[in-house]
C-alpha atoms as a PDB file:
ATOM      1  CA  MET A   1      14.533 -84.915  20.059  1.00  0.00           C
ATOM      2  CA  ILE A   2      11.820 -86.767  22.738  1.00  0.00           C
ATOM      3  CA  ALA A   3      13.950 -85.088  25.506  1.00  0.00           C
ATOM      4  CA  ARG A   4      13.509 -81.616  23.621  1.00  0.00           C
ATOM      5  CA  ASP A   5       9.989 -81.491  21.902  1.00  0.00           C
ATOM      6  CA  GLY A   6       8.204 -84.994  23.588  1.00  0.00           C
ATOM      7  CA  LEU A   7       6.689 -87.469  21.999  1.00  0.00           C
ATOM      8  CA  SER A   8       3.965 -85.140  20.301  1.00  0.00           C
ATOM      9  CA  GLY A   9       6.722 -83.138  19.025  1.00  0.00           C
ATOM     10  CA  ALA A  10       8.876 -86.223  17.284  1.00  0.00           C
ATOM     11  CA  THR A  11       7.082 -86.507  14.339  1.00  0.00           C
ATOM     12  CA  LEU A  12       8.773 -88.715  11.556  1.00  0.00           C
ATOM     13  CA  ARG A  13       9.345 -85.589   9.587  1.00  0.00           C
ATOM     14  CA  ALA A  14      11.027 -83.185  12.333  1.00  0.00           C
ATOM     15  CA  ILE A  15      13.314 -86.627  13.015  1.00  0.00           C
ATOM     16  CA  ALA A  16      14.257 -87.087   9.750  1.00  0.00           C
ATOM     17  CA  ALA A  17      15.334 -83.359   9.230  1.00  0.00           C
ATOM     18  CA  GLN A  18      17.176 -83.451  12.588  1.00  0.00           C
ATOM     19  CA  ALA A  19      18.925 -86.794  11.444  1.00  0.00           C
ATOM     20  CA  GLY A  20      19.893 -85.191   8.096  1.00  0.00           C
ATOM     21  CA  CYS A  21      17.708 -88.079   6.204  1.00  0.00           C
ATOM     22  CA  THR A  22      14.371 -87.940   4.138  1.00  0.00           C
ATOM     23  CA  THR A  23      11.536 -89.707   5.718  1.00  0.00           C
ATOM     24  CA  GLY A  24      11.682 -92.527   3.359  1.00  0.00           C
ATOM     25  CA  SER A  25      14.955 -93.556   5.166  1.00  0.00           C
ATOM     26  CA  LEU A  26      13.583 -93.746   8.454  1.00  0.00           C
ATOM     27  CA  THR A  27      10.309 -95.590   6.783  1.00  0.00           C
ATOM     28  CA  HIS A  28      13.011 -97.910   5.449  1.00  0.00           C
ATOM     29  CA  HIS A  29      13.808 -99.202   8.616  1.00  0.00           C
ATOM     30  CA  PHE A  30      10.969 -98.605  10.816  1.00  0.00           C
ATOM     31  CA  ALA A  31       7.569 -99.543   9.933  1.00  0.00           C
ATOM     32  CA  ASP A  32       5.874 -96.239  11.671  1.00  0.00           C
ATOM     33  CA  ARG A  33       6.227 -93.801  13.751  1.00  0.00           C
ATOM     34  CA  GLN A  34       5.202 -95.890  16.406  1.00  0.00           C
ATOM     35  CA  ALA A  35       8.109 -98.316  15.856  1.00  0.00           C
ATOM     36  CA  LEU A  36      10.915 -95.842  15.949  1.00  0.00           C
ATOM     37  CA  LEU A  37       9.536 -94.259  19.129  1.00  0.00           C
ATOM     38  CA  ASP A  38       9.489 -98.144  20.744  1.00  0.00           C
ATOM     39  CA  TYR A  39      12.967 -98.100  19.364  1.00  0.00           C
ATOM     40  CA  ALA A  40      14.278 -95.080  21.531  1.00  0.00           C
ATOM     41  CA  LEU A  41      12.278 -96.237  24.019  1.00  0.00           C
ATOM     42  CA  GLY A  42      14.092 -99.462  23.989  1.00  0.00           C
ATOM     43  CA  LEU A  43      17.744 -98.034  23.757  1.00  0.00           C
ATOM     44  CA  VAL A  44      17.044 -95.977  26.723  1.00  0.00           C
ATOM     45  CA  CYS A  45      15.500 -98.969  28.697  1.00  0.00           C
ATOM     46  CA  GLU A  46      18.251-101.320  28.101  1.00  0.00           C
ATOM     47  CA  GLY A  47      20.748 -99.055  28.380  1.00  0.00           C
ATOM     48  CA  SER A  48      20.105 -98.090  31.895  1.00  0.00           C
ATOM     49  CA  THR A  49      19.146-101.776  32.602  1.00  0.00           C
ATOM     50  CA  GLU A  50      22.694-103.086  31.349  1.00  0.00           C
ATOM     51  CA  ARG A  51      24.694-100.281  33.204  1.00  0.00           C
ATOM     52  CA  VAL A  52      23.054-100.810  36.226  1.00  0.00           C
ATOM     53  CA  VAL A  53      23.624-104.715  35.754  1.00  0.00           C
ATOM     54  CA  ALA A  54      27.312-104.642  35.125  1.00  0.00           C
ATOM     55  CA  ARG A  55      27.461-102.083  38.438  1.00  0.00           C
ATOM     56  CA  LEU A  56      25.859-104.748  40.119  1.00  0.00           C
ATOM     57  CA  ALA A  57      28.109-107.418  39.210  1.00  0.00           C
ATOM     58  CA  ASP A  58      31.621-105.259  40.419  1.00  0.00           C
ATOM     59  CA  GLY A  59      30.211-102.117  42.370  1.00  0.00           C
ATOM     60  CA  THR A  60      28.196-101.155  44.927  1.00  0.00           C
ATOM     61  CA  LEU A  61      24.495-101.585  44.751  1.00  0.00           C
ATOM     62  CA  ALA A  62      24.145 -97.421  45.676  1.00  0.00           C
ATOM     63  CA  ASP A  63      26.600 -97.309  42.087  1.00  0.00           C
ATOM     64  CA  ALA A  64      24.663 -99.594  40.476  1.00  0.00           C
ATOM     65  CA  LEU A  65      21.064 -98.149  40.748  1.00  0.00           C
ATOM     66  CA  ALA A  66      22.642 -94.177  40.647  1.00  0.00           C
ATOM     67  CA  GLU A  67      22.977 -95.268  37.163  1.00  0.00           C
ATOM     68  CA  LEU A  68      19.296 -94.702  36.760  1.00  0.00           C
ATOM     69  CA  LEU A  69      19.551 -91.201  37.987  1.00  0.00           C
ATOM     70  CA  PRO A  70      19.945 -88.136  36.273  1.00  0.00           C
ATOM     71  CA  LEU A  71      23.686 -87.610  37.084  1.00  0.00           C
ATOM     72  CA  ASP A  72      24.915 -86.269  34.129  1.00  0.00           C
ATOM     73  CA  ASP A  73      23.902 -85.055  30.504  1.00  0.00           C
ATOM     74  CA  ALA A  74      23.409 -88.688  29.170  1.00  0.00           C
ATOM     75  CA  ARG A  75      21.364 -90.288  32.160  1.00  0.00           C
ATOM     76  CA  THR A  76      19.309 -86.740  31.860  1.00  0.00           C
ATOM     77  CA  LEU A  77      18.456 -87.360  28.483  1.00  0.00           C
ATOM     78  CA  GLU A  78      17.732 -90.963  28.844  1.00  0.00           C
ATOM     79  CA  GLY A  79      15.639 -89.560  32.177  1.00  0.00           C
ATOM     80  CA  ALA A  80      13.862 -87.238  29.818  1.00  0.00           C
ATOM     81  CA  VAL A  81      13.037 -89.836  27.236  1.00  0.00           C
ATOM     82  CA  TRP A  82      11.986 -92.174  29.543  1.00  0.00           C
ATOM     83  CA  LEU A  83       9.934 -89.337  31.323  1.00  0.00           C
ATOM     84  CA  ALA A  84       7.729 -88.370  28.153  1.00  0.00           C
ATOM     85  CA  ASN A  85       6.736 -91.978  27.566  1.00  0.00           C
ATOM     86  CA  VAL A  86       5.391 -92.210  31.363  1.00  0.00           C
ATOM     87  CA  SER A  87       3.346 -88.886  30.868  1.00  0.00           C
ATOM     88  CA  ALA A  88       2.347 -90.088  27.198  1.00  0.00           C
ATOM     89  CA  ALA A  89       1.277 -93.096  28.260  1.00  0.00           C
ATOM     90  CA  HIS A  90      -1.634 -92.237  30.135  1.00  0.00           C
ATOM     91  CA  ASP A  91      -3.388 -91.160  27.034  1.00  0.00           C
ATOM     92  CA  ASP A  92      -1.876 -93.768  24.324  1.00  0.00           C
ATOM     93  CA  PRO A  93      -2.797 -97.183  24.742  1.00  0.00           C
ATOM     94  CA  ALA A  94       0.636 -97.719  22.327  1.00  0.00           C
ATOM     95  CA  VAL A  95       3.035 -95.519  24.147  1.00  0.00           C
ATOM     96  CA  SER A  96       1.604 -97.220  27.302  1.00  0.00           C
ATOM     97  CA  ALA A  97       2.136-100.913  25.569  1.00  0.00           C
ATOM     98  CA  ALA A  98       5.039-100.286  24.578  1.00  0.00           C
ATOM     99  CA  LEU A  99       6.778 -98.933  27.829  1.00  0.00           C
ATOM    100  CA  ILE A 100       4.727-101.765  30.017  1.00  0.00           C
ATOM    101  CA  ARG A 101       6.849-104.409  27.396  1.00  0.00           C
ATOM    102  CA  ARG A 102       9.945-102.602  28.192  1.00  0.00           C
ATOM    103  CA  SER A 103       9.752-101.913  31.668  1.00  0.00           C
ATOM    104  CA  ASP A 104       8.834-105.568  32.326  1.00  0.00           C
ATOM    105  CA  ALA A 105      11.839-106.297  30.392  1.00  0.00           C
ATOM    106  CA  SER A 106      14.175-104.374  32.125  1.00  0.00           C
ATOM    107  CA  PHE A 107      12.510-105.081  35.494  1.00  0.00           C
ATOM    108  CA  ALA A 108      13.145-109.114  35.107  1.00  0.00           C
ATOM    109  CA  ALA A 109      16.878-108.396  34.263  1.00  0.00           C
ATOM    110  CA  LEU A 110      17.205-105.990  37.549  1.00  0.00           C
ATOM    111  CA  THR A 111      15.459-108.683  39.568  1.00  0.00           C
ATOM    112  CA  SER A 112      17.511-111.497  38.158  1.00  0.00           C
ATOM    113  CA  ALA A 113      20.337-109.505  38.669  1.00  0.00           C
ATOM    114  CA  PHE A 114      19.598-108.590  42.321  1.00  0.00           C
ATOM    115  CA  GLY A 115      18.503-111.965  43.528  1.00  0.00           C
ATOM    116  CA  THR A 116      22.273-112.847  42.184  1.00  0.00           C
ATOM    117  CA  ARG A 117      23.815-110.247  43.933  1.00  0.00           C
ATOM    118  CA  LEU A 118      21.909-110.843  47.282  1.00  0.00           C
ATOM    119  CA  ALA A 119      22.173-114.374  47.088  1.00  0.00           C
ATOM    120  CA  ALA A 120      25.830-113.921  47.157  1.00  0.00           C
ATOM    121  CA  GLN A 121      26.069-111.970  49.980  1.00  0.00           C
ATOM    122  CA  GLY A 122      23.834-114.871  51.945  1.00  0.00           C
ATOM    123  CA  ARG A 123      20.228-113.356  51.617  1.00  0.00           C
ATOM    124  CA  ALA A 124      18.294-115.502  49.339  1.00  0.00           C
ATOM    125  CA  LEU A 125      14.973-114.231  48.810  1.00  0.00           C
ATOM    126  CA  ASP A 126      11.654-116.303  47.761  1.00  0.00           C
ATOM    127  CA  HIS A 127      10.381-114.739  44.381  1.00  0.00           C
ATOM    128  CA  GLU A 128       7.871-112.941  45.898  1.00  0.00           C
ATOM    129  CA  GLU A 129       9.947-110.933  48.484  1.00  0.00           C
ATOM    130  CA  LEU A 130      12.531-110.460  46.029  1.00  0.00           C
ATOM    131  CA  ASP A 131       9.836-109.095  43.073  1.00  0.00           C
ATOM    132  CA  LEU A 132       8.391-106.424  45.980  1.00  0.00           C
ATOM    133  CA  LEU A 133      11.980-105.279  47.013  1.00  0.00           C
ATOM    134  CA  VAL A 134      13.349-104.509  43.717  1.00  0.00           C
ATOM    135  CA  ASP A 135       9.584-102.843  43.265  1.00  0.00           C
ATOM    136  CA  GLU A 136      10.174-101.023  46.253  1.00  0.00           C
ATOM    137  CA  ILE A 137      13.438 -99.723  45.427  1.00  0.00           C
ATOM    138  CA  LEU A 138      13.020 -98.919  41.713  1.00  0.00           C
ATOM    139  CA  THR A 139       9.869 -96.908  42.237  1.00  0.00           C
ATOM    140  CA  ALA A 140      11.839 -94.904  44.997  1.00  0.00           C
ATOM    141  CA  VAL A 141      14.760 -94.363  42.440  1.00  0.00           C
ATOM    142  CA  ASP A 142      11.972 -93.483  39.968  1.00  0.00           C
ATOM    143  CA  GLY A 143      10.707 -91.130  42.536  1.00  0.00           C
ATOM    144  CA  ILE A 144      14.303 -89.522  42.720  1.00  0.00           C
ATOM    145  CA  ALA A 145      14.657 -89.314  39.038  1.00  0.00           C
ATOM    146  CA  VAL A 146      11.637 -87.306  38.615  1.00  0.00           C
ATOM    147  CA  TYR A 147      12.007 -84.727  41.052  1.00  0.00           C
ATOM    148  CA  ALA A 148      16.014 -84.258  40.074  1.00  0.00           C
ATOM    149  CA  LEU A 149      14.338 -83.972  36.332  1.00  0.00           C
ATOM    150  CA  SER A 150      11.717 -81.801  37.013  1.00  0.00           C
ATOM    151  CA  ASP A 151      14.268 -79.587  40.023  1.00  0.00           C
ATOM    152  CA  PRO A 152      17.876 -79.935  39.187  1.00  0.00           C
ATOM    153  CA  ILE A 153      18.461 -77.209  41.426  1.00  0.00           C
ATOM    154  CA  ARG A 154      17.005 -78.648  44.412  1.00  0.00           C
ATOM    155  CA  TYR A 155      18.403 -82.256  43.146  1.00  0.00           C
ATOM    156  CA  THR A 156      21.770 -82.252  42.854  1.00  0.00           C
ATOM    157  CA  GLU A 157      23.911 -85.001  42.080  1.00  0.00           C
ATOM    158  CA  GLN A 158      24.681 -84.829  46.000  1.00  0.00           C
ATOM    159  CA  ARG A 159      20.926 -84.925  47.226  1.00  0.00           C
ATOM    160  CA  GLN A 160      20.166 -87.683  44.809  1.00  0.00           C
ATOM    161  CA  ARG A 161      22.790 -90.237  46.100  1.00  0.00           C
ATOM    162  CA  LEU A 162      22.423 -89.162  49.701  1.00  0.00           C
ATOM    163  CA  LEU A 163      18.254 -89.908  48.716  1.00  0.00           C
ATOM    164  CA  LEU A 164      19.483 -93.257  47.367  1.00  0.00           C
ATOM    165  CA  ALA A 165      21.385 -94.206  50.363  1.00  0.00           C
ATOM    166  CA  ARG A 166      18.792 -93.580  52.644  1.00  0.00           C
ATOM    167  CA  VAL A 167      16.404 -95.492  50.652  1.00  0.00           C
ATOM    168  CA  LEU A 168      18.626 -98.171  50.678  1.00  0.00           C
ATOM    169  CA  GLU A 169      19.400 -97.999  54.414  1.00  0.00           C
ATOM    170  CA  ARG A 170      15.703 -98.156  54.730  1.00  0.00           C
ATOM    171  CA  VAL A 171      15.574-101.461  53.090  1.00  0.00           C
ATOM    172  CA  GLY A 172      18.344-103.149  55.215  1.00  0.00           C
ATOM    173  CA  LEU A 173      20.575-102.274  52.042  1.00  0.00           C
ATOM    174  CA  ALA A 174      23.068-100.173  53.105  1.00  0.00           C
END
């Protein structure tokens, strides 16, 4: 619903109707609309972070980071929910705080996983350099994702993967 109607369209009443339950059922589990929206954002952030960390443990760096790109219906939906929250954060302090909290948790998990991966490859970095490297990579991946969400015709899976490979090459991780 958030991906389709944005955060403003995701009212408790609309969510309950889509879920086939009452608003009372929702408020039994969530204190208010913001708590429900925070839960939805958490599903997106935690799910994508878990996939990236798992792929870092057993796959290529490019494949791990591709988990953050809208390469299939599920990741496109996640990306749309994330982007709706990013857009709403500009005007809504509660959304901004939730996004920052969730992003910080994801960033910490990804930084730890990157650090472990790089150390295993004999490329241990100090905390500040690792932090900057992960920020550099994630901002590039986020940019690719935003453009792919807004123009899926131009930003095909092949182009997204090519751009990701170029980012990793530029930071010396290809």
